[in-house]
Amino acid sequence: MTDMEHKPNGWNLPINQMTDEEWKDYFECRKKYDIKLSVDEEKTQYEKIMSFLHVNEKKFIEESKKMPVLPNMAISYKCFHGLKAMKDFNLYWAKEVYPDEF
């Protein structure tokens, strides 16, 4: 079965409406961004993020999205902003806790 046949819970709610092309992009992003990081990788990524904090806002945001989003924050963000707004985030941890939501 394809990803398109396993859309997340709430896929048909107005906030989560996407075209087939947007769904394909969403699932490609899931493959690209949902990465489990080791403790050392998390530390390195956190240091990278902090190095951009006061220097380059765009780079800070870009690097921040690579850190796994806390599950409760992810489910709340989904409710208020929809799945499309989350496509570039690392949802690895969230998918472990809420496997049918992302």
PDB file of N, CA and C in Angstrom:
ATOM      1  N   MET A   1       0.839  -1.181   0.000  1.00  0.00           N
ATOM      2  CA  MET A   1       0.000   0.000   0.000  1.00  0.00           C
ATOM      3  C   MET A   1       0.891   1.255   0.000  1.00  0.00           C
ATOM      4  N   THR A   2       0.408   2.273  -0.618  1.00  0.00           N
ATOM      5  CA  THR A   2       1.168   3.507  -0.716  1.00  0.00           C
ATOM      6  C   THR A   2       0.831   4.447   0.441  1.00  0.00           C
ATOM      7  N   ASP A   3       1.671   5.461   0.622  1.00  0.00           N
ATOM      8  CA  ASP A   3       1.416   6.477   1.645  1.00  0.00           C
ATOM      9  C   ASP A   3       0.063   7.135   1.428  1.00  0.00           C
ATOM     10  N   MET A   4      -0.283   7.350   0.165  1.00  0.00           N
ATOM     11  CA  MET A   4      -1.548   8.026  -0.152  1.00  0.00           C
ATOM     12  C   MET A   4      -2.748   7.229   0.357  1.00  0.00           C
ATOM     13  N   GLU A   5      -2.584   5.913   0.499  1.00  0.00           N
ATOM     14  CA  GLU A   5      -3.667   5.079   1.012  1.00  0.00           C
ATOM     15  C   GLU A   5      -3.700   5.068   2.542  1.00  0.00           C
ATOM     16  N   HIS A   6      -2.679   5.627   3.164  1.00  0.00           N
ATOM     17  CA  HIS A   6      -2.578   5.661   4.628  1.00  0.00           C
ATOM     18  C   HIS A   6      -2.459   7.096   5.127  1.00  0.00           C
ATOM     19  N   LYS A   7      -3.336   7.926   4.695  1.00  0.00           N
ATOM     20  CA  LYS A   7      -3.309   9.318   5.141  1.00  0.00           C
ATOM     21  C   LYS A   7      -3.577   9.359   6.646  1.00  0.00           C
ATOM     22  N   PRO A   8      -3.011  10.344   7.332  1.00  0.00           N
ATOM     23  CA  PRO A   8      -3.171  10.440   8.784  1.00  0.00           C
ATOM     24  C   PRO A   8      -4.607  10.742   9.207  1.00  0.00           C
ATOM     25  N   ASN A   9      -4.897  10.420  10.461  1.00  0.00           N
ATOM     26  CA  ASN A   9      -6.201  10.770  11.020  1.00  0.00           C
ATOM     27  C   ASN A   9      -6.474  12.252  10.797  1.00  0.00           C
ATOM     28  N   GLY A  10      -7.688  12.561  10.449  1.00  0.00           N
ATOM     29  CA  GLY A  10      -8.076  13.949  10.241  1.00  0.00           C
ATOM     30  C   GLY A  10      -7.714  14.506   8.879  1.00  0.00           C
ATOM     31  N   TRP A  11      -7.252  13.660   7.982  1.00  0.00           N
ATOM     32  CA  TRP A  11      -6.817  14.133   6.664  1.00  0.00           C
ATOM     33  C   TRP A  11      -7.936  14.841   5.903  1.00  0.00           C
ATOM     34  N   ASN A  12      -9.180  14.471   6.204  1.00  0.00           N
ATOM     35  CA  ASN A  12     -10.302  15.046   5.463  1.00  0.00           C
ATOM     36  C   ASN A  12     -10.933  16.259   6.154  1.00  0.00           C
ATOM     37  N   LEU A  13     -10.381  16.692   7.276  1.00  0.00           N
ATOM     38  CA  LEU A  13     -10.870  17.912   7.921  1.00  0.00           C
ATOM     39  C   LEU A  13     -10.483  19.122   7.077  1.00  0.00           C
ATOM     40  N   PRO A  14     -11.274  20.182   7.124  1.00  0.00           N
ATOM     41  CA  PRO A  14     -10.966  21.369   6.307  1.00  0.00           C
ATOM     42  C   PRO A  14      -9.539  21.902   6.492  1.00  0.00           C
ATOM     43  N   ILE A  15      -9.018  21.865   7.704  1.00  0.00           N
ATOM     44  CA  ILE A  15      -7.678  22.403   7.960  1.00  0.00           C
ATOM     45  C   ILE A  15      -6.584  21.554   7.305  1.00  0.00           C
ATOM     46  N   ASN A  16      -6.901  20.303   6.997  1.00  0.00           N
ATOM     47  CA  ASN A  16      -5.907  19.390   6.422  1.00  0.00           C
ATOM     48  C   ASN A  16      -6.130  19.085   4.944  1.00  0.00           C
ATOM     49  N   GLN A  17      -7.027  19.784   4.292  1.00  0.00           N
ATOM     50  CA  GLN A  17      -7.308  19.528   2.886  1.00  0.00           C
ATOM     51  C   GLN A  17      -6.096  19.840   2.021  1.00  0.00           C
ATOM     52  N   MET A  18      -5.714  18.883   1.190  1.00  0.00           N
ATOM     53  CA  MET A  18      -4.603  19.060   0.263  1.00  0.00           C
ATOM     54  C   MET A  18      -4.931  18.349  -1.044  1.00  0.00           C
ATOM     55  N   THR A  19      -4.325  18.819  -2.108  1.00  0.00           N
ATOM     56  CA  THR A  19      -4.450  18.154  -3.400  1.00  0.00           C
ATOM     57  C   THR A  19      -3.603  16.880  -3.379  1.00  0.00           C
ATOM     58  N   ASP A  20      -3.795  16.019  -4.355  1.00  0.00           N
ATOM     59  CA  ASP A  20      -2.970  14.808  -4.435  1.00  0.00           C
ATOM     60  C   ASP A  20      -1.488  15.168  -4.518  1.00  0.00           C
ATOM     61  N   GLU A  21      -1.180  16.214  -5.250  1.00  0.00           N
ATOM     62  CA  GLU A  21       0.221  16.654  -5.377  1.00  0.00           C
ATOM     63  C   GLU A  21       0.771  17.120  -4.027  1.00  0.00           C
ATOM     64  N   GLU A  22      -0.016  17.842  -3.275  1.00  0.00           N
ATOM     65  CA  GLU A  22       0.407  18.305  -1.949  1.00  0.00           C
ATOM     66  C   GLU A  22       0.582  17.131  -0.988  1.00  0.00           C
ATOM     67  N   TRP A  23      -0.282  16.117  -1.096  1.00  0.00           N
ATOM     68  CA  TRP A  23      -0.122  14.924  -0.263  1.00  0.00           C
ATOM     69  C   TRP A  23       1.169  14.197  -0.628  1.00  0.00           C
ATOM     70  N   LYS A  24       1.471  14.093  -1.901  1.00  0.00           N
ATOM     71  CA  LYS A  24       2.725  13.453  -2.319  1.00  0.00           C
ATOM     72  C   LYS A  24       3.915  14.190  -1.713  1.00  0.00           C
ATOM     73  N   ASP A  25       3.868  15.514  -1.786  1.00  0.00           N
ATOM     74  CA  ASP A  25       4.930  16.334  -1.202  1.00  0.00           C
ATOM     75  C   ASP A  25       5.019  16.118   0.307  1.00  0.00           C
ATOM     76  N   TYR A  26       3.872  16.076   0.975  1.00  0.00           N
ATOM     77  CA  TYR A  26       3.835  15.856   2.425  1.00  0.00           C
ATOM     78  C   TYR A  26       4.531  14.540   2.777  1.00  0.00           C
ATOM     79  N   PHE A  27       4.208  13.460   2.073  1.00  0.00           N
ATOM     80  CA  PHE A  27       4.798  12.160   2.378  1.00  0.00           C
ATOM     81  C   PHE A  27       6.278  12.103   2.014  1.00  0.00           C
ATOM     82  N   GLU A  28       6.683  12.824   0.985  1.00  0.00           N
ATOM     83  CA  GLU A  28       8.106  12.921   0.672  1.00  0.00           C
ATOM     84  C   GLU A  28       8.842  13.639   1.808  1.00  0.00           C
ATOM     85  N   CYS A  29       8.219  14.670   2.343  1.00  0.00           N
ATOM     86  CA  CYS A  29       8.803  15.393   3.479  1.00  0.00           C
ATOM     87  C   CYS A  29       8.904  14.489   4.701  1.00  0.00           C
ATOM     88  N   ARG A  30       7.922  13.630   4.914  1.00  0.00           N
ATOM     89  CA  ARG A  30       7.971  12.707   6.047  1.00  0.00           C
ATOM     90  C   ARG A  30       9.206  11.819   5.914  1.00  0.00           C
ATOM     91  N   LYS A  31       9.463  11.321   4.709  1.00  0.00           N
ATOM     92  CA  LYS A  31      10.637  10.461   4.479  1.00  0.00           C
ATOM     93  C   LYS A  31      11.934  11.241   4.691  1.00  0.00           C
ATOM     94  N   LYS A  32      11.934  12.480   4.271  1.00  0.00           N
ATOM     95  CA  LYS A  32      13.138  13.309   4.328  1.00  0.00           C
ATOM     96  C   LYS A  32      13.433  13.831   5.734  1.00  0.00           C
ATOM     97  N   TYR A  33      12.405  14.292   6.452  1.00  0.00           N
ATOM     98  CA  TYR A  33      12.626  15.002   7.709  1.00  0.00           C
ATOM     99  C   TYR A  33      12.451  14.178   8.978  1.00  0.00           C
ATOM    100  N   ASP A  34      11.679  13.101   8.943  1.00  0.00           N
ATOM    101  CA  ASP A  34      11.426  12.328  10.160  1.00  0.00           C
ATOM    102  C   ASP A  34      12.592  11.381  10.427  1.00  0.00           C
ATOM    103  N   ILE A  35      13.592  11.925  11.101  1.00  0.00           N
ATOM    104  CA  ILE A  35      14.842  11.215  11.319  1.00  0.00           C
ATOM    105  C   ILE A  35      15.096  11.084  12.817  1.00  0.00           C
ATOM    106  N   LYS A  36      15.434   9.873  13.227  1.00  0.00           N
ATOM    107  CA  LYS A  36      15.815   9.654  14.620  1.00  0.00           C
ATOM    108  C   LYS A  36      17.268  10.105  14.781  1.00  0.00           C
ATOM    109  N   LEU A  37      17.492  10.957  15.759  1.00  0.00           N
ATOM    110  CA  LEU A  37      18.839  11.433  16.029  1.00  0.00           C
ATOM    111  C   LEU A  37      19.378  10.757  17.283  1.00  0.00           C
ATOM    112  N   SER A  38      20.657  10.435  17.269  1.00  0.00           N
ATOM    113  CA  SER A  38      21.294   9.913  18.471  1.00  0.00           C
ATOM    114  C   SER A  38      21.468  11.069  19.454  1.00  0.00           C
ATOM    115  N   VAL A  39      21.806  10.768  20.678  1.00  0.00           N
ATOM    116  CA  VAL A  39      22.017  11.805  21.692  1.00  0.00           C
ATOM    117  C   VAL A  39      23.124  12.751  21.228  1.00  0.00           C
ATOM    118  N   ASP A  40      24.191  12.213  20.672  1.00  0.00           N
ATOM    119  CA  ASP A  40      25.286  13.060  20.188  1.00  0.00           C
ATOM    120  C   ASP A  40      24.849  13.934  19.022  1.00  0.00           C
ATOM    121  N   GLU A  41      24.048  13.374  18.124  1.00  0.00           N
ATOM    122  CA  GLU A  41      23.544  14.154  16.996  1.00  0.00           C
ATOM    123  C   GLU A  41      22.625  15.277  17.480  1.00  0.00           C
ATOM    124  N   GLU A  42      21.820  14.983  18.499  1.00  0.00           N
ATOM    125  CA  GLU A  42      20.941  16.009  19.062  1.00  0.00           C
ATOM    126  C   GLU A  42      21.759  17.141  19.670  1.00  0.00           C
ATOM    127  N   LYS A  43      22.799  16.795  20.403  1.00  0.00           N
ATOM    128  CA  LYS A  43      23.671  17.818  21.010  1.00  0.00           C
ATOM    129  C   LYS A  43      24.316  18.676  19.929  1.00  0.00           C
ATOM    130  N   THR A  44      24.827  18.031  18.897  1.00  0.00           N
ATOM    131  CA  THR A  44      25.466  18.757  17.797  1.00  0.00           C
ATOM    132  C   THR A  44      24.464  19.680  17.114  1.00  0.00           C
ATOM    133  N   GLN A  45      23.266  19.159  16.862  1.00  0.00           N
ATOM    134  CA  GLN A  45      22.232  19.958  16.207  1.00  0.00           C
ATOM    135  C   GLN A  45      21.827  21.131  17.085  1.00  0.00           C
ATOM    136  N   TYR A  46      21.692  20.892  18.389  1.00  0.00           N
ATOM    137  CA  TYR A  46      21.324  21.961  19.319  1.00  0.00           C
ATOM    138  C   TYR A  46      22.395  23.058  19.318  1.00  0.00           C
ATOM    139  N   GLU A  47      23.659  22.675  19.330  1.00  0.00           N
ATOM    140  CA  GLU A  47      24.753  23.650  19.282  1.00  0.00           C
ATOM    141  C   GLU A  47      24.711  24.451  17.984  1.00  0.00           C
ATOM    142  N   LYS A  48      24.415  23.780  16.890  1.00  0.00           N
ATOM    143  CA  LYS A  48      24.292  24.437  15.587  1.00  0.00           C
ATOM    144  C   LYS A  48      23.169  25.481  15.624  1.00  0.00           C
ATOM    145  N   ILE A  49      22.035  25.064  16.155  1.00  0.00           N
ATOM    146  CA  ILE A  49      20.870  25.948  16.250  1.00  0.00           C
ATOM    147  C   ILE A  49      21.227  27.192  17.058  1.00  0.00           C
ATOM    148  N   MET A  50      21.826  26.976  18.202  1.00  0.00           N
ATOM    149  CA  MET A  50      22.156  28.100  19.081  1.00  0.00           C
ATOM    150  C   MET A  50      23.178  29.037  18.449  1.00  0.00           C
ATOM    151  N   SER A  51      24.055  28.505  17.609  1.00  0.00           N
ATOM    152  CA  SER A  51      25.054  29.365  16.969  1.00  0.00           C
ATOM    153  C   SER A  51      24.408  30.349  15.988  1.00  0.00           C
ATOM    154  N   PHE A  52      23.220  30.027  15.501  1.00  0.00           N
ATOM    155  CA  PHE A  52      22.513  30.908  14.568  1.00  0.00           C
ATOM    156  C   PHE A  52      21.498  31.814  15.256  1.00  0.00           C
ATOM    157  N   LEU A  53      21.289  31.632  16.543  1.00  0.00           N
ATOM    158  CA  LEU A  53      20.223  32.330  17.265  1.00  0.00           C
ATOM    159  C   LEU A  53      20.231  33.834  17.047  1.00  0.00           C
ATOM    160  N   HIS A  54      21.366  34.477  17.206  1.00  0.00           N
ATOM    161  CA  HIS A  54      21.437  35.936  17.096  1.00  0.00           C
ATOM    162  C   HIS A  54      22.038  36.414  15.781  1.00  0.00           C
ATOM    163  N   VAL A  55      22.468  35.481  14.953  1.00  0.00           N
ATOM    164  CA  VAL A  55      23.186  35.849  13.739  1.00  0.00           C
ATOM    165  C   VAL A  55      22.327  35.790  12.477  1.00  0.00           C
ATOM    166  N   ASN A  56      21.591  34.695  12.328  1.00  0.00           N
ATOM    167  CA  ASN A  56      20.878  34.470  11.082  1.00  0.00           C
ATOM    168  C   ASN A  56      19.532  33.805  11.388  1.00  0.00           C
ATOM    169  N   GLU A  57      18.470  34.592  11.431  1.00  0.00           N
ATOM    170  CA  GLU A  57      17.151  34.080  11.810  1.00  0.00           C
ATOM    171  C   GLU A  57      16.663  32.975  10.871  1.00  0.00           C
ATOM    172  N   LYS A  58      16.869  33.155   9.575  1.00  0.00           N
ATOM    173  CA  LYS A  58      16.414  32.161   8.598  1.00  0.00           C
ATOM    174  C   LYS A  58      17.116  30.824   8.828  1.00  0.00           C
ATOM    175  N   LYS A  59      18.417  30.858   9.023  1.00  0.00           N
ATOM    176  CA  LYS A  59      19.196  29.636   9.260  1.00  0.00           C
ATOM    177  C   LYS A  59      18.805  29.013  10.605  1.00  0.00           C
ATOM    178  N   PHE A  60      18.543  29.852  11.601  1.00  0.00           N
ATOM    179  CA  PHE A  60      18.100  29.371  12.909  1.00  0.00           C
ATOM    180  C   PHE A  60      16.814  28.565  12.773  1.00  0.00           C
ATOM    181  N   ILE A  61      15.840  29.090  12.051  1.00  0.00           N
ATOM    182  CA  ILE A  61      14.554  28.409  11.854  1.00  0.00           C
ATOM    183  C   ILE A  61      14.753  27.121  11.067  1.00  0.00           C
ATOM    184  N   GLU A  62      15.545  27.191  10.010  1.00  0.00           N
ATOM    185  CA  GLU A  62      15.809  26.023   9.166  1.00  0.00           C
ATOM    186  C   GLU A  62      16.443  24.885   9.980  1.00  0.00           C
ATOM    187  N   GLU A  63      17.441  25.217  10.773  1.00  0.00           N
ATOM    188  CA  GLU A  63      18.123  24.200  11.580  1.00  0.00           C
ATOM    189  C   GLU A  63      17.236  23.695  12.717  1.00  0.00           C
ATOM    190  N   SER A  64      16.402  24.555  13.278  1.00  0.00           N
ATOM    191  CA  SER A  64      15.505  24.163  14.372  1.00  0.00           C
ATOM    192  C   SER A  64      14.529  23.088  13.941  1.00  0.00           C
ATOM    193  N   LYS A  65      14.087  23.154  12.708  1.00  0.00           N
ATOM    194  CA  LYS A  65      13.114  22.184  12.202  1.00  0.00           C
ATOM    195  C   LYS A  65      13.690  20.775  12.107  1.00  0.00           C
ATOM    196  N   LYS A  66      14.999  20.646  12.178  1.00  0.00           N
ATOM    197  CA  LYS A  66      15.626  19.332  12.099  1.00  0.00           C
ATOM    198  C   LYS A  66      15.532  18.569  13.417  1.00  0.00           C
ATOM    199  N   MET A  67      15.292  19.285  14.512  1.00  0.00           N
ATOM    200  CA  MET A  67      15.139  18.641  15.814  1.00  0.00           C
ATOM    201  C   MET A  67      13.750  18.028  15.898  1.00  0.00           C
ATOM    202  N   PRO A  68      13.627  16.816  16.440  1.00  0.00           N
ATOM    203  CA  PRO A  68      12.301  16.219  16.570  1.00  0.00           C
ATOM    204  C   PRO A  68      11.382  17.083  17.440  1.00  0.00           C
ATOM    205  N   VAL A  69      10.158  17.275  16.978  1.00  0.00           N
ATOM    206  CA  VAL A  69       9.170  18.051  17.719  1.00  0.00           C
ATOM    207  C   VAL A  69       8.608  17.174  18.833  1.00  0.00           C
ATOM    208  N   LEU A  70       8.459  17.754  20.016  1.00  0.00           N
ATOM    209  CA  LEU A  70       7.861  17.007  21.123  1.00  0.00           C
ATOM    210  C   LEU A  70       6.448  16.574  20.733  1.00  0.00           C
ATOM    211  N   PRO A  71       6.063  15.348  21.060  1.00  0.00           N
ATOM    212  CA  PRO A  71       4.770  14.817  20.627  1.00  0.00           C
ATOM    213  C   PRO A  71       3.564  15.692  20.974  1.00  0.00           C
ATOM    214  N   ASN A  72       3.482  16.188  22.199  1.00  0.00           N
ATOM    215  CA  ASN A  72       2.323  17.002  22.583  1.00  0.00           C
ATOM    216  C   ASN A  72       2.296  18.335  21.851  1.00  0.00           C
ATOM    217  N   MET A  73       3.467  18.873  21.559  1.00  0.00           N
ATOM    218  CA  MET A  73       3.518  20.105  20.784  1.00  0.00           C
ATOM    219  C   MET A  73       3.077  19.836  19.346  1.00  0.00           C
ATOM    220  N   ALA A  74       3.490  18.714  18.805  1.00  0.00           N
ATOM    221  CA  ALA A  74       3.141  18.369  17.419  1.00  0.00           C
ATOM    222  C   ALA A  74       1.637  18.171  17.255  1.00  0.00           C
ATOM    223  N   ILE A  75       1.014  17.459  18.181  1.00  0.00           N
ATOM    224  CA  ILE A  75      -0.423  17.206  18.050  1.00  0.00           C
ATOM    225  C   ILE A  75      -1.208  18.507  18.214  1.00  0.00           C
ATOM    226  N   SER A  76      -0.742  19.385  19.094  1.00  0.00           N
ATOM    227  CA  SER A  76      -1.400  20.684  19.262  1.00  0.00           C
ATOM    228  C   SER A  76      -1.233  21.543  18.021  1.00  0.00           C
ATOM    229  N   TYR A  77      -0.047  21.573  17.478  1.00  0.00           N
ATOM    230  CA  TYR A  77       0.228  22.360  16.273  1.00  0.00           C
ATOM    231  C   TYR A  77      -0.637  21.868  15.112  1.00  0.00           C
ATOM    232  N   LYS A  78      -0.778  20.541  15.008  1.00  0.00           N
ATOM    233  CA  LYS A  78      -1.622  19.962  13.957  1.00  0.00           C
ATOM    234  C   LYS A  78      -3.057  20.474  14.088  1.00  0.00           C
ATOM    235  N   CYS A  79      -3.566  20.506  15.307  1.00  0.00           N
ATOM    236  CA  CYS A  79      -4.955  20.945  15.532  1.00  0.00           C
ATOM    237  C   CYS A  79      -5.177  22.397  15.121  1.00  0.00           C
ATOM    238  N   PHE A  80      -4.194  23.240  15.352  1.00  0.00           N
ATOM    239  CA  PHE A  80      -4.359  24.667  15.086  1.00  0.00           C
ATOM    240  C   PHE A  80      -3.905  25.102  13.697  1.00  0.00           C
ATOM    241  N   HIS A  81      -2.939  24.380  13.115  1.00  0.00           N
ATOM    242  CA  HIS A  81      -2.355  24.829  11.847  1.00  0.00           C
ATOM    243  C   HIS A  81      -2.501  23.835  10.704  1.00  0.00           C
ATOM    244  N   GLY A  82      -2.817  22.585  11.013  1.00  0.00           N
ATOM    245  CA  GLY A  82      -2.988  21.582   9.983  1.00  0.00           C
ATOM    246  C   GLY A  82      -1.690  20.886   9.592  1.00  0.00           C
ATOM    247  N   LEU A  83      -1.846  19.773   8.915  1.00  0.00           N
ATOM    248  CA  LEU A  83      -0.701  18.950   8.516  1.00  0.00           C
ATOM    249  C   LEU A  83       0.219  19.650   7.520  1.00  0.00           C
ATOM    250  N   LYS A  84      -0.352  20.399   6.619  1.00  0.00           N
ATOM    251  CA  LYS A  84       0.453  21.062   5.590  1.00  0.00           C
ATOM    252  C   LYS A  84       1.489  22.005   6.211  1.00  0.00           C
ATOM    253  N   ALA A  85       1.112  22.670   7.293  1.00  0.00           N
ATOM    254  CA  ALA A  85       2.023  23.599   7.964  1.00  0.00           C
ATOM    255  C   ALA A  85       3.166  22.880   8.667  1.00  0.00           C
ATOM    256  N   MET A  86       3.050  21.568   8.836  1.00  0.00           N
ATOM    257  CA  MET A  86       4.052  20.798   9.567  1.00  0.00           C
ATOM    258  C   MET A  86       4.972  19.993   8.665  1.00  0.00           C
ATOM    259  N   LYS A  87       4.797  20.127   7.380  1.00  0.00           N
ATOM    260  CA  LYS A  87       5.485  19.217   6.468  1.00  0.00           C
ATOM    261  C   LYS A  87       7.005  19.262   6.568  1.00  0.00           C
ATOM    262  N   ASP A  88       7.587  20.391   6.971  1.00  0.00           N
ATOM    263  CA  ASP A  88       9.046  20.514   7.031  1.00  0.00           C
ATOM    264  C   ASP A  88       9.629  20.249   8.418  1.00  0.00           C
ATOM    265  N   PHE A  89       8.812  19.767   9.349  1.00  0.00           N
ATOM    266  CA  PHE A  89       9.292  19.488  10.702  1.00  0.00           C
ATOM    267  C   PHE A  89       9.696  18.022  10.830  1.00  0.00           C
ATOM    268  N   ASN A  90      10.559  17.749  11.791  1.00  0.00           N
ATOM    269  CA  ASN A  90      10.934  16.378  12.117  1.00  0.00           C
ATOM    270  C   ASN A  90       9.885  15.849  13.103  1.00  0.00           C
ATOM    271  N   LEU A  91       9.037  14.965  12.643  1.00  0.00           N
ATOM    272  CA  LEU A  91       7.951  14.427  13.459  1.00  0.00           C
ATOM    273  C   LEU A  91       8.242  13.013  13.962  1.00  0.00           C
ATOM    274  N   TYR A  92       9.510  12.654  14.014  1.00  0.00           N
ATOM    275  CA  TYR A  92       9.896  11.301  14.408  1.00  0.00           C
ATOM    276  C   TYR A  92       9.309  10.923  15.777  1.00  0.00           C
ATOM    277  N   TRP A  93       9.541  11.745  16.790  1.00  0.00           N
ATOM    278  CA  TRP A  93       9.040  11.437  18.144  1.00  0.00           C
ATOM    279  C   TRP A  93       7.515  11.449  18.170  1.00  0.00           C
ATOM    280  N   ALA A  94       6.918  12.409  17.492  1.00  0.00           N
ATOM    281  CA  ALA A  94       5.459  12.523  17.482  1.00  0.00           C
ATOM    282  C   ALA A  94       4.822  11.279  16.860  1.00  0.00           C
ATOM    283  N   LYS A  95       5.428  10.751  15.812  1.00  0.00           N
ATOM    284  CA  LYS A  95       4.890   9.576  15.157  1.00  0.00           C
ATOM    285  C   LYS A  95       5.021   8.335  16.038  1.00  0.00           C
ATOM    286  N   GLU A  96       6.006   8.319  16.939  1.00  0.00           N
ATOM    287  CA  GLU A  96       6.123   7.205  17.869  1.00  0.00           C
ATOM    288  C   GLU A  96       4.970   7.198  18.873  1.00  0.00           C
ATOM    289  N   VAL A  97       4.573   8.369  19.334  1.00  0.00           N
ATOM    290  CA  VAL A  97       3.503   8.492  20.331  1.00  0.00           C
ATOM    291  C   VAL A  97       2.130   8.488  19.672  1.00  0.00           C
ATOM    292  N   TYR A  98       2.015   9.159  18.535  1.00  0.00           N
ATOM    293  CA  TYR A  98       0.741   9.271  17.801  1.00  0.00           C
ATOM    294  C   TYR A  98       0.916   8.723  16.379  1.00  0.00           C
ATOM    295  N   PRO A  99       1.046   7.411  16.239  1.00  0.00           N
ATOM    296  CA  PRO A  99       1.388   6.834  14.930  1.00  0.00           C
ATOM    297  C   PRO A  99       0.372   7.075  13.812  1.00  0.00           C
ATOM    298  N   ASP A 100      -0.868   7.319  14.152  1.00  0.00           N
ATOM    299  CA  ASP A 100      -1.888   7.516  13.110  1.00  0.00           C
ATOM    300  C   ASP A 100      -2.185   8.977  12.814  1.00  0.00           C
ATOM    301  N   GLU A 101      -1.493   9.892  13.481  1.00  0.00           N
ATOM    302  CA  GLU A 101      -1.818  11.323  13.372  1.00  0.00           C
ATOM    303  C   GLU A 101      -0.955  12.079  12.369  1.00  0.00           C
ATOM    304  N   PHE A 102       0.168  11.498  11.954  1.00  0.00           N
ATOM    305  CA  PHE A 102       1.067  12.217  11.061  1.00  0.00           C
ATOM    306  C   PHE A 102       1.482  11.346   9.884  1.00  0.00           C
TER     307      PHE A 102
END
